[in-house]
């Protein structure tokens, strides 16, 4: 009887340590190997670019079952950075992001439709400026493999197009600036 118990315990230990649980990743923001950058047209002449410096999240991904992929991300909206102190203050203020009332933005995936290259379309709920809407992000798989420190990593990039007025931001920037492009680079370290 003891023998069966220990065999069962050994099997349970083996299963819990197996690659079935190896598909969970933490986004590597501490090592600065992930970014959320934006670009918006400035007068239809050039691009105003910047980034959100502080965010965190995790995701699940298994190359053998990519349709099961999921991700959760939370962004500190006050970390908005356009490399210009006065503009940052203005954009963080009441007219635009209103970070006092809406300090965080978040994305929680609802489905992933993979393609043959390992990328696909990630759909989910984006909460921004106190409004939650479904969005779709075209995703490319950049690569995966062991890192020099004995860990395992996987990386993706994607672009999200959003219209701020659909989230309740009604400050008019002109027709050339109705769309914001969010360029996402996500590298995860397997937990």
N, C-alpha and C. Protein backbone atom coordinates (compact mmCIF):
# COMPACT_ATOMS: atom_id res chain seq x y z
N UNK A 1 0.81 -1.19 0.00
CA UNK A 1 0.00 0.00 0.00
C UNK A 1 0.86 1.26 0.00
N UNK A 2 1.94 1.26 0.84
CA UNK A 2 2.84 2.39 0.87
C UNK A 2 3.50 2.61 -0.48
N UNK A 3 3.84 1.51 -1.14
CA UNK A 3 4.50 1.58 -2.43
C UNK A 3 3.62 2.31 -3.45
N UNK A 4 2.32 2.00 -3.48
CA UNK A 4 1.41 2.67 -4.40
C UNK A 4 1.30 4.16 -4.08
N UNK A 5 1.28 4.49 -2.78
CA UNK A 5 1.19 5.88 -2.36
C UNK A 5 2.40 6.67 -2.87
N UNK A 6 3.62 6.10 -2.65
CA UNK A 6 4.83 6.80 -3.06
C UNK A 6 4.93 6.88 -4.58
N UNK A 7 4.49 5.85 -5.30
CA UNK A 7 4.48 5.91 -6.77
C UNK A 7 3.53 7.01 -7.24
N UNK A 8 2.36 7.10 -6.60
CA UNK A 8 1.39 8.15 -6.94
C UNK A 8 1.94 9.53 -6.65
N UNK A 9 2.62 9.67 -5.50
CA UNK A 9 3.23 10.94 -5.14
C UNK A 9 4.32 11.32 -6.13
N UNK A 10 5.14 10.35 -6.52
CA UNK A 10 6.20 10.60 -7.50
C UNK A 10 5.61 11.01 -8.84
N UNK A 11 4.52 10.36 -9.26
CA UNK A 11 3.88 10.69 -10.53
C UNK A 11 3.30 12.11 -10.47
N UNK A 12 2.65 12.45 -9.37
CA UNK A 12 2.08 13.79 -9.23
C UNK A 12 3.18 14.85 -9.26
N UNK A 13 4.31 14.57 -8.63
CA UNK A 13 5.44 15.50 -8.65
C UNK A 13 5.98 15.66 -10.06
N UNK A 14 6.10 14.56 -10.77
CA UNK A 14 6.60 14.59 -12.15
C UNK A 14 5.67 15.39 -13.04
N UNK A 15 4.36 15.19 -12.89
CA UNK A 15 3.40 15.92 -13.71
C UNK A 15 3.46 17.40 -13.41
N UNK A 16 3.56 17.77 -12.12
CA UNK A 16 3.57 19.19 -11.78
C UNK A 16 4.83 19.88 -12.26
N UNK A 17 5.91 19.13 -12.49
CA UNK A 17 7.16 19.71 -12.97
C UNK A 17 7.29 19.59 -14.48
N UNK A 18 6.31 19.00 -15.13
CA UNK A 18 6.41 18.75 -16.57
C UNK A 18 6.16 20.01 -17.37
N UNK A 19 6.48 20.00 -18.68
CA UNK A 19 6.28 21.16 -19.52
C UNK A 19 4.83 21.61 -19.66
N UNK A 20 3.87 20.82 -19.17
CA UNK A 20 2.48 21.25 -19.21
C UNK A 20 2.31 22.60 -18.51
N UNK A 21 3.15 22.85 -17.52
CA UNK A 21 3.08 24.09 -16.76
C UNK A 21 4.15 25.08 -17.19
N UNK A 22 4.86 24.77 -18.26
CA UNK A 22 5.98 25.60 -18.69
C UNK A 22 5.55 26.71 -19.63
N UNK A 23 4.24 26.91 -19.83
CA UNK A 23 3.77 27.90 -20.79
C UNK A 23 3.40 29.23 -20.15
N UNK A 24 3.70 29.41 -18.88
CA UNK A 24 3.38 30.67 -18.20
C UNK A 24 4.63 31.54 -18.13
N UNK A 25 4.47 32.81 -18.53
CA UNK A 25 5.60 33.74 -18.62
C UNK A 25 5.27 35.03 -17.90
N UNK A 26 6.29 35.67 -17.34
CA UNK A 26 6.16 37.01 -16.79
C UNK A 26 6.83 37.95 -17.79
N UNK A 27 6.19 39.07 -18.07
CA UNK A 27 6.75 40.03 -19.02
C UNK A 27 7.98 40.66 -18.41
N UNK A 28 9.07 40.66 -19.16
CA UNK A 28 10.36 41.13 -18.66
C UNK A 28 10.47 42.65 -18.74
N UNK A 29 9.82 43.33 -17.81
CA UNK A 29 9.93 44.78 -17.75
C UNK A 29 11.13 45.21 -16.89
N UNK A 30 11.53 44.36 -15.96
CA UNK A 30 12.69 44.70 -15.11
C UNK A 30 13.97 44.76 -15.92
N UNK A 31 14.10 43.87 -16.88
CA UNK A 31 15.28 43.86 -17.74
C UNK A 31 15.14 44.76 -18.95
N UNK A 32 14.03 45.51 -19.01
CA UNK A 32 13.76 46.43 -20.12
C UNK A 32 13.76 45.71 -21.46
N UNK A 33 13.17 44.51 -21.48
CA UNK A 33 13.07 43.75 -22.73
C UNK A 33 11.63 43.71 -23.22
N UNK A 34 10.86 44.72 -22.86
CA UNK A 34 9.49 44.85 -23.31
C UNK A 34 9.18 46.35 -23.37
N UNK A 35 8.29 46.72 -24.28
CA UNK A 35 7.97 48.14 -24.40
C UNK A 35 6.56 48.33 -24.94
N UNK A 36 5.95 49.43 -24.52
CA UNK A 36 4.69 49.90 -25.06
C UNK A 36 4.95 51.31 -25.56
N UNK A 37 5.05 51.44 -26.86
CA UNK A 37 5.37 52.71 -27.49
C UNK A 37 4.16 53.19 -28.29
N UNK A 38 4.10 54.48 -28.53
CA UNK A 38 2.98 55.01 -29.31
C UNK A 38 3.50 55.97 -30.36
N UNK A 39 2.66 56.19 -31.36
CA UNK A 39 2.93 57.22 -32.35
C UNK A 39 1.59 57.77 -32.81
N UNK A 40 1.57 59.07 -33.00
CA UNK A 40 0.37 59.76 -33.46
C UNK A 40 0.83 60.86 -34.42
N UNK A 41 0.06 61.06 -35.46
CA UNK A 41 0.43 62.07 -36.45
C UNK A 41 0.43 63.46 -35.83
N UNK A 42 1.45 64.22 -36.16
CA UNK A 42 1.51 65.62 -35.74
C UNK A 42 1.24 66.48 -36.96
N UNK A 43 0.00 66.99 -37.06
CA UNK A 43 -0.43 67.87 -38.14
C UNK A 43 -0.38 67.22 -39.52
N UNK A 44 -0.28 65.90 -39.56
CA UNK A 44 -0.17 65.22 -40.85
C UNK A 44 1.19 65.39 -41.50
N UNK A 45 2.16 65.88 -40.72
CA UNK A 45 3.49 66.20 -41.25
C UNK A 45 4.54 65.21 -40.77
N UNK A 46 4.46 64.84 -39.50
CA UNK A 46 5.44 63.92 -38.93
C UNK A 46 4.78 63.13 -37.81
N UNK A 47 5.56 62.38 -37.05
CA UNK A 47 5.05 61.56 -35.95
C UNK A 47 5.49 62.13 -34.61
N UNK A 48 4.56 62.18 -33.68
CA UNK A 48 4.88 62.40 -32.27
C UNK A 48 4.97 61.00 -31.67
N UNK A 49 6.10 60.69 -31.06
CA UNK A 49 6.31 59.34 -30.52
C UNK A 49 6.58 59.40 -29.02
N UNK A 50 6.43 58.27 -28.39
CA UNK A 50 6.73 58.17 -26.97
C UNK A 50 6.45 56.77 -26.48
N UNK A 51 6.34 56.65 -25.17
CA UNK A 51 6.17 55.33 -24.56
C UNK A 51 5.52 55.44 -23.19
N UNK A 52 5.07 54.31 -22.69
CA UNK A 52 4.66 54.20 -21.30
C UNK A 52 5.79 53.45 -20.60
N UNK A 53 6.41 54.09 -19.63
CA UNK A 53 7.61 53.53 -19.01
C UNK A 53 7.34 52.44 -17.99
N UNK A 54 6.13 52.42 -17.40
CA UNK A 54 5.85 51.49 -16.32
C UNK A 54 4.62 50.65 -16.64
N UNK A 55 4.83 49.35 -16.74
CA UNK A 55 3.73 48.41 -16.94
C UNK A 55 4.19 47.04 -16.47
N UNK A 56 3.25 46.12 -16.31
CA UNK A 56 3.59 44.76 -15.92
C UNK A 56 2.52 43.82 -16.45
N UNK A 57 2.84 42.55 -16.41
CA UNK A 57 1.86 41.58 -16.86
C UNK A 57 2.45 40.21 -17.01
N UNK A 58 1.61 39.30 -17.43
CA UNK A 58 2.06 37.93 -17.68
C UNK A 58 1.23 37.34 -18.81
N UNK A 59 1.72 36.24 -19.35
CA UNK A 59 0.98 35.59 -20.43
C UNK A 59 1.27 34.11 -20.42
N UNK A 60 0.41 33.38 -21.12
CA UNK A 60 0.58 31.94 -21.31
C UNK A 60 0.71 31.68 -22.80
N UNK A 61 1.66 30.82 -23.14
CA UNK A 61 1.86 30.48 -24.55
C UNK A 61 2.53 29.12 -24.65
N UNK A 62 2.02 28.30 -25.52
CA UNK A 62 2.61 27.00 -25.83
C UNK A 62 2.57 26.84 -27.34
N UNK A 63 3.74 26.70 -27.97
CA UNK A 63 3.82 26.59 -29.43
C UNK A 63 3.02 25.41 -29.96
N UNK A 64 2.80 24.38 -29.12
CA UNK A 64 2.03 23.22 -29.56
C UNK A 64 0.53 23.47 -29.50
N UNK A 65 0.13 24.50 -28.77
CA UNK A 65 -1.29 24.82 -28.62
C UNK A 65 -1.47 26.35 -28.59
N UNK A 66 -1.10 27.04 -29.68
CA UNK A 66 -1.11 28.50 -29.65
C UNK A 66 -2.49 29.13 -29.47
N UNK A 67 -3.55 28.44 -29.86
CA UNK A 67 -4.89 29.01 -29.71
C UNK A 67 -5.27 29.22 -28.24
N UNK A 68 -4.54 28.57 -27.33
CA UNK A 68 -4.82 28.72 -25.90
C UNK A 68 -4.06 29.89 -25.27
N UNK A 69 -3.32 30.65 -26.08
CA UNK A 69 -2.53 31.77 -25.56
C UNK A 69 -3.42 32.82 -24.91
N UNK A 70 -2.90 33.45 -23.86
CA UNK A 70 -3.63 34.53 -23.19
C UNK A 70 -2.63 35.50 -22.58
N UNK A 71 -3.09 36.72 -22.32
CA UNK A 71 -2.22 37.74 -21.75
C UNK A 71 -3.03 38.71 -20.90
N UNK A 72 -2.39 39.22 -19.84
CA UNK A 72 -2.94 40.27 -18.99
C UNK A 72 -1.85 41.32 -18.80
N UNK A 73 -2.20 42.58 -19.03
CA UNK A 73 -1.23 43.67 -18.90
C UNK A 73 -1.90 44.83 -18.17
N UNK A 74 -1.15 45.46 -17.27
CA UNK A 74 -1.62 46.68 -16.60
C UNK A 74 -0.57 47.77 -16.81
N UNK A 75 -1.04 48.96 -17.19
CA UNK A 75 -0.15 50.08 -17.53
C UNK A 75 -0.38 51.22 -16.56
N UNK A 76 0.71 51.78 -16.04
CA UNK A 76 0.67 53.00 -15.23
C UNK A 76 0.60 54.17 -16.22
N UNK A 77 -0.59 54.74 -16.38
CA UNK A 77 -0.80 55.77 -17.40
C UNK A 77 0.03 57.02 -17.10
N UNK A 78 0.31 57.29 -15.83
CA UNK A 78 1.13 58.45 -15.46
C UNK A 78 2.58 58.30 -15.94
N UNK A 79 2.96 57.11 -16.38
CA UNK A 79 4.34 56.91 -16.88
C UNK A 79 4.45 57.31 -18.35
N UNK A 80 3.40 57.93 -18.91
CA UNK A 80 3.43 58.46 -20.27
C UNK A 80 4.67 59.33 -20.44
N UNK A 81 5.43 59.12 -21.50
CA UNK A 81 6.69 59.84 -21.72
C UNK A 81 6.87 60.12 -23.20
N UNK A 82 6.79 61.41 -23.55
CA UNK A 82 7.01 61.81 -24.95
C UNK A 82 8.35 62.53 -25.11
N UNK A 83 9.21 62.40 -24.09
CA UNK A 83 10.54 63.02 -24.11
C UNK A 83 10.46 64.55 -24.13
N UNK A 84 9.41 65.09 -23.51
CA UNK A 84 9.24 66.54 -23.44
C UNK A 84 8.41 66.83 -22.19
N UNK A 85 9.03 67.39 -21.16
CA UNK A 85 8.41 67.52 -19.84
C UNK A 85 7.10 68.30 -19.86
N UNK A 86 7.04 69.43 -20.55
CA UNK A 86 5.81 70.22 -20.57
C UNK A 86 4.68 69.49 -21.30
N UNK A 87 5.02 68.84 -22.41
CA UNK A 87 4.00 68.09 -23.13
C UNK A 87 3.51 66.92 -22.28
N UNK A 88 4.42 66.23 -21.60
CA UNK A 88 4.01 65.13 -20.72
C UNK A 88 3.01 65.60 -19.68
N UNK A 89 3.30 66.73 -19.06
CA UNK A 89 2.40 67.28 -18.04
C UNK A 89 1.03 67.58 -18.64
N UNK A 90 1.03 68.16 -19.82
CA UNK A 90 -0.22 68.52 -20.49
C UNK A 90 -1.03 67.27 -20.85
N UNK A 91 -0.38 66.27 -21.44
CA UNK A 91 -1.07 65.04 -21.87
C UNK A 91 -1.58 64.25 -20.66
N UNK A 92 -0.85 64.26 -19.55
CA UNK A 92 -1.29 63.55 -18.35
C UNK A 92 -2.47 64.26 -17.66
N UNK A 93 -2.70 65.51 -18.03
CA UNK A 93 -3.72 66.33 -17.38
C UNK A 93 -5.14 66.01 -17.81
N UNK A 94 -6.06 66.87 -17.35
CA UNK A 94 -7.50 66.66 -17.52
C UNK A 94 -7.94 66.58 -18.97
N UNK A 95 -7.31 67.34 -19.86
CA UNK A 95 -7.77 67.39 -21.25
C UNK A 95 -7.52 66.09 -22.02
N UNK A 96 -6.51 65.34 -21.61
CA UNK A 96 -6.16 64.13 -22.36
C UNK A 96 -6.34 62.87 -21.51
N UNK A 97 -5.27 62.41 -20.88
CA UNK A 97 -5.30 61.12 -20.18
C UNK A 97 -5.96 61.18 -18.80
N UNK A 98 -5.96 62.34 -18.18
CA UNK A 98 -6.57 62.53 -16.85
C UNK A 98 -6.12 61.43 -15.89
N UNK A 99 -4.82 61.37 -15.65
CA UNK A 99 -4.25 60.28 -14.85
C UNK A 99 -4.71 60.30 -13.38
N UNK A 100 -5.18 61.45 -12.89
CA UNK A 100 -5.68 61.48 -11.52
C UNK A 100 -6.93 60.61 -11.39
N UNK A 101 -7.81 60.68 -12.37
CA UNK A 101 -9.05 59.89 -12.32
C UNK A 101 -8.90 58.51 -12.94
N UNK A 102 -7.97 58.36 -13.87
CA UNK A 102 -7.79 57.09 -14.59
C UNK A 102 -6.30 56.71 -14.58
N UNK A 103 -5.78 56.30 -13.41
CA UNK A 103 -4.34 56.06 -13.28
C UNK A 103 -3.81 54.83 -14.01
N UNK A 104 -4.70 53.89 -14.33
CA UNK A 104 -4.21 52.67 -15.00
C UNK A 104 -5.04 52.38 -16.24
N UNK A 105 -4.40 51.68 -17.15
CA UNK A 105 -5.05 51.09 -18.31
C UNK A 105 -4.74 49.61 -18.25
N UNK A 106 -5.59 48.79 -18.85
CA UNK A 106 -5.33 47.35 -18.80
C UNK A 106 -5.83 46.67 -20.06
N UNK A 107 -5.24 45.51 -20.32
CA UNK A 107 -5.68 44.67 -21.43
C UNK A 107 -5.76 43.24 -20.92
N UNK A 108 -6.90 42.60 -21.16
CA UNK A 108 -7.10 41.20 -20.79
C UNK A 108 -7.62 40.48 -22.03
N UNK A 109 -6.85 39.50 -22.49
CA UNK A 109 -7.22 38.82 -23.73
C UNK A 109 -8.45 37.94 -23.53
N UNK A 110 -9.17 37.75 -24.63
CA UNK A 110 -10.34 36.87 -24.62
C UNK A 110 -10.18 35.72 -25.62
N UNK A 111 -9.36 35.92 -26.66
CA UNK A 111 -9.13 34.84 -27.63
C UNK A 111 -7.88 35.13 -28.44
N UNK A 112 -7.32 34.06 -29.00
CA UNK A 112 -6.17 34.20 -29.89
C UNK A 112 -6.39 33.28 -31.08
N UNK A 113 -6.33 33.86 -32.28
CA UNK A 113 -6.46 33.09 -33.52
C UNK A 113 -5.08 33.03 -34.16
N UNK A 114 -4.40 31.87 -34.05
CA UNK A 114 -3.02 31.78 -34.55
C UNK A 114 -2.94 31.69 -36.06
N UNK A 115 -1.76 32.05 -36.58
CA UNK A 115 -1.46 31.83 -37.99
C UNK A 115 -0.30 30.84 -38.10
N UNK A 116 0.10 30.50 -39.30
CA UNK A 116 1.12 29.48 -39.51
C UNK A 116 2.51 29.91 -39.04
N UNK A 117 2.75 31.20 -38.89
CA UNK A 117 4.08 31.70 -38.50
C UNK A 117 4.25 31.82 -36.99
N UNK A 118 3.25 31.46 -36.21
CA UNK A 118 3.35 31.55 -34.76
C UNK A 118 2.72 32.80 -34.18
N UNK A 119 2.33 33.72 -35.05
CA UNK A 119 1.63 34.92 -34.61
C UNK A 119 0.13 34.71 -34.77
N UNK A 120 -0.59 35.81 -34.97
CA UNK A 120 -2.02 35.71 -35.16
C UNK A 120 -2.72 36.97 -34.71
N UNK A 121 -3.97 36.85 -34.35
CA UNK A 121 -4.77 37.98 -33.88
C UNK A 121 -5.21 37.72 -32.44
N UNK A 122 -4.81 38.62 -31.55
CA UNK A 122 -5.18 38.54 -30.15
C UNK A 122 -6.32 39.53 -29.92
N UNK A 123 -7.47 39.03 -29.48
CA UNK A 123 -8.59 39.88 -29.13
C UNK A 123 -8.68 39.96 -27.61
N UNK A 124 -9.19 41.09 -27.14
CA UNK A 124 -9.34 41.24 -25.71
C UNK A 124 -10.00 42.53 -25.36
N UNK A 125 -10.14 42.77 -24.06
CA UNK A 125 -10.80 43.95 -23.54
C UNK A 125 -9.75 44.95 -23.07
N UNK A 126 -9.76 46.11 -23.69
CA UNK A 126 -8.86 47.20 -23.32
C UNK A 126 -9.64 48.20 -22.50
N UNK A 127 -9.13 48.50 -21.30
CA UNK A 127 -9.72 49.52 -20.45
C UNK A 127 -8.78 50.72 -20.45
N UNK A 128 -9.31 51.85 -20.90
CA UNK A 128 -8.54 53.08 -21.03
C UNK A 128 -9.47 54.24 -20.74
N UNK A 129 -9.05 55.16 -19.91
CA UNK A 129 -9.83 56.36 -19.61
C UNK A 129 -11.18 55.99 -19.01
N UNK A 130 -11.20 54.87 -18.28
CA UNK A 130 -12.43 54.43 -17.62
C UNK A 130 -13.42 53.73 -18.52
N UNK A 131 -13.06 53.49 -19.77
CA UNK A 131 -13.94 52.83 -20.74
C UNK A 131 -13.32 51.52 -21.17
N UNK A 132 -14.13 50.47 -21.26
CA UNK A 132 -13.65 49.16 -21.69
C UNK A 132 -14.28 48.81 -23.03
N UNK A 133 -13.42 48.45 -23.99
CA UNK A 133 -13.87 48.07 -25.34
C UNK A 133 -13.06 46.89 -25.82
N UNK A 134 -13.67 46.10 -26.70
CA UNK A 134 -12.92 45.00 -27.31
C UNK A 134 -12.04 45.56 -28.42
N UNK A 135 -10.81 45.07 -28.47
CA UNK A 135 -9.87 45.45 -29.52
C UNK A 135 -9.21 44.19 -30.07
N UNK A 136 -8.59 44.33 -31.23
CA UNK A 136 -7.85 43.23 -31.84
C UNK A 136 -6.44 43.71 -32.15
N UNK A 137 -5.46 42.88 -31.82
CA UNK A 137 -4.05 43.22 -32.03
C UNK A 137 -3.44 42.19 -32.97
N UNK A 138 -2.88 42.66 -34.07
CA UNK A 138 -2.14 41.76 -34.96
C UNK A 138 -0.79 41.47 -34.31
N UNK A 139 -0.49 40.20 -34.10
CA UNK A 139 0.69 39.77 -33.35
C UNK A 139 1.64 38.97 -34.23
N UNK A 140 2.92 39.26 -34.13
CA UNK A 140 3.97 38.47 -34.78
C UNK A 140 4.82 37.81 -33.71
N UNK A 141 5.12 36.55 -33.89
CA UNK A 141 6.05 35.89 -32.98
C UNK A 141 7.46 36.22 -33.44
N UNK A 142 8.28 36.74 -32.53
CA UNK A 142 9.65 37.12 -32.86
C UNK A 142 10.58 35.92 -32.71
N UNK A 143 10.42 35.16 -31.63
CA UNK A 143 11.25 33.98 -31.41
C UNK A 143 11.08 33.43 -30.01
N UNK A 144 11.71 32.29 -29.77
CA UNK A 144 11.73 31.71 -28.43
C UNK A 144 12.93 30.81 -28.29
N UNK A 145 13.36 30.61 -27.05
CA UNK A 145 14.49 29.73 -26.79
C UNK A 145 15.11 29.99 -25.43
N UNK A 146 16.16 29.23 -25.15
CA UNK A 146 16.87 29.37 -23.88
C UNK A 146 17.69 30.64 -23.88
N UNK A 147 17.80 31.26 -22.71
CA UNK A 147 18.64 32.44 -22.57
C UNK A 147 19.97 32.05 -21.92
N UNK A 148 20.96 32.93 -21.89
CA UNK A 148 22.28 32.60 -21.33
C UNK A 148 22.29 32.36 -19.82
N UNK A 149 21.17 32.63 -19.14
CA UNK A 149 21.13 32.52 -17.68
C UNK A 149 20.36 31.29 -17.22
N UNK A 150 20.08 30.38 -18.14
CA UNK A 150 19.40 29.15 -17.78
C UNK A 150 17.88 29.23 -17.83
N UNK A 151 17.35 30.34 -18.29
CA UNK A 151 15.90 30.50 -18.40
C UNK A 151 15.42 30.21 -19.81
N UNK A 152 14.14 30.41 -20.01
CA UNK A 152 13.54 30.21 -21.32
C UNK A 152 12.64 31.40 -21.61
N UNK A 153 12.73 31.94 -22.83
CA UNK A 153 12.02 33.16 -23.18
C UNK A 153 11.27 33.00 -24.50
N UNK A 154 10.23 33.81 -24.65
CA UNK A 154 9.51 33.90 -25.92
C UNK A 154 9.13 35.36 -26.11
N UNK A 155 9.17 35.81 -27.37
CA UNK A 155 8.89 37.21 -27.64
C UNK A 155 7.91 37.42 -28.78
N UNK A 156 7.12 38.47 -28.65
CA UNK A 156 6.11 38.83 -29.64
C UNK A 156 6.13 40.33 -29.87
N UNK A 157 5.68 40.75 -31.03
CA UNK A 157 5.46 42.16 -31.29
C UNK A 157 4.08 42.32 -31.92
N UNK A 158 3.54 43.49 -31.81
CA UNK A 158 2.23 43.74 -32.39
C UNK A 158 1.92 45.21 -32.43
N UNK A 159 0.91 45.56 -33.19
CA UNK A 159 0.48 46.94 -33.29
C UNK A 159 -1.02 47.01 -33.07
N UNK A 160 -1.42 47.94 -32.24
CA UNK A 160 -2.83 48.19 -31.96
C UNK A 160 -3.15 49.59 -32.46
N UNK A 161 -4.20 49.71 -33.26
CA UNK A 161 -4.68 51.01 -33.69
C UNK A 161 -5.90 51.35 -32.85
N UNK A 162 -5.90 52.53 -32.24
CA UNK A 162 -7.07 52.92 -31.47
C UNK A 162 -7.41 54.38 -31.71
N UNK A 163 -8.67 54.67 -31.54
CA UNK A 163 -9.17 56.02 -31.70
C UNK A 163 -9.56 56.54 -30.31
N UNK A 164 -8.81 57.51 -29.78
CA UNK A 164 -9.06 57.98 -28.42
C UNK A 164 -10.50 58.41 -28.16
N UNK A 165 -11.19 59.00 -29.16
CA UNK A 165 -12.57 59.45 -28.91
C UNK A 165 -13.50 58.28 -28.61
N UNK A 166 -13.16 57.07 -29.06
CA UNK A 166 -13.98 55.90 -28.76
C UNK A 166 -13.89 55.50 -27.28
N UNK A 167 -12.89 56.03 -26.59
CA UNK A 167 -12.73 55.76 -25.15
C UNK A 167 -13.13 56.97 -24.31
N UNK A 168 -13.73 57.97 -24.95
CA UNK A 168 -14.24 59.12 -24.22
C UNK A 168 -13.30 60.31 -24.17
N UNK A 169 -12.15 60.24 -24.84
CA UNK A 169 -11.24 61.39 -24.90
C UNK A 169 -11.67 62.26 -26.07
N UNK A 170 -12.23 63.41 -25.78
CA UNK A 170 -12.86 64.21 -26.84
C UNK A 170 -12.08 65.44 -27.25
N UNK A 171 -10.86 65.58 -26.77
CA UNK A 171 -10.06 66.73 -27.18
C UNK A 171 -9.71 66.58 -28.66
N UNK A 172 -10.00 67.58 -29.46
CA UNK A 172 -9.82 67.50 -30.91
C UNK A 172 -8.39 67.85 -31.30
N UNK A 173 -7.75 66.92 -31.99
CA UNK A 173 -6.39 67.14 -32.47
C UNK A 173 -6.35 67.28 -33.99
N UNK A 174 -7.51 67.25 -34.62
CA UNK A 174 -7.58 67.35 -36.07
C UNK A 174 -7.65 65.97 -36.70
N UNK A 175 -8.13 65.90 -37.95
CA UNK A 175 -8.36 64.61 -38.60
C UNK A 175 -7.10 63.75 -38.77
N UNK A 176 -5.94 64.38 -38.88
CA UNK A 176 -4.70 63.60 -39.07
C UNK A 176 -4.31 62.84 -37.82
N UNK A 177 -4.86 63.26 -36.66
CA UNK A 177 -4.45 62.66 -35.38
C UNK A 177 -5.59 61.89 -34.72
N UNK A 178 -6.50 61.35 -35.50
CA UNK A 178 -7.62 60.61 -34.91
C UNK A 178 -7.23 59.20 -34.46
N UNK A 179 -6.13 58.68 -34.99
CA UNK A 179 -5.71 57.32 -34.67
C UNK A 179 -4.36 57.34 -33.96
N UNK A 180 -4.28 56.59 -32.88
CA UNK A 180 -3.01 56.38 -32.17
C UNK A 180 -2.57 54.95 -32.47
N UNK A 181 -1.31 54.79 -32.80
CA UNK A 181 -0.74 53.46 -33.06
C UNK A 181 0.11 53.06 -31.87
N UNK A 182 -0.26 51.95 -31.26
CA UNK A 182 0.50 51.43 -30.11
C UNK A 182 1.35 50.27 -30.61
N UNK A 183 2.67 50.45 -30.52
CA UNK A 183 3.61 49.41 -30.93
C UNK A 183 4.06 48.65 -29.69
N UNK A 184 3.78 47.36 -29.68
CA UNK A 184 3.98 46.53 -28.49
C UNK A 184 5.09 45.52 -28.74
N UNK A 185 6.03 45.46 -27.83
CA UNK A 185 7.11 44.46 -27.87
C UNK A 185 7.12 43.76 -26.52
N UNK A 186 6.81 42.47 -26.55
CA UNK A 186 6.65 41.72 -25.30
C UNK A 186 7.61 40.54 -25.29
N UNK A 187 8.50 40.53 -24.31
CA UNK A 187 9.38 39.37 -24.09
C UNK A 187 9.05 38.80 -22.73
N UNK A 188 8.78 37.50 -22.70
CA UNK A 188 8.43 36.87 -21.45
C UNK A 188 9.47 35.88 -20.99
N UNK A 189 9.64 35.78 -19.67
CA UNK A 189 10.52 34.79 -19.05
C UNK A 189 9.64 33.71 -18.46
N UNK A 190 9.90 32.48 -18.84
CA UNK A 190 9.08 31.38 -18.34
C UNK A 190 9.20 31.27 -16.83
N UNK A 191 8.06 31.14 -16.16
CA UNK A 191 8.04 31.05 -14.70
C UNK A 191 8.54 29.69 -14.24
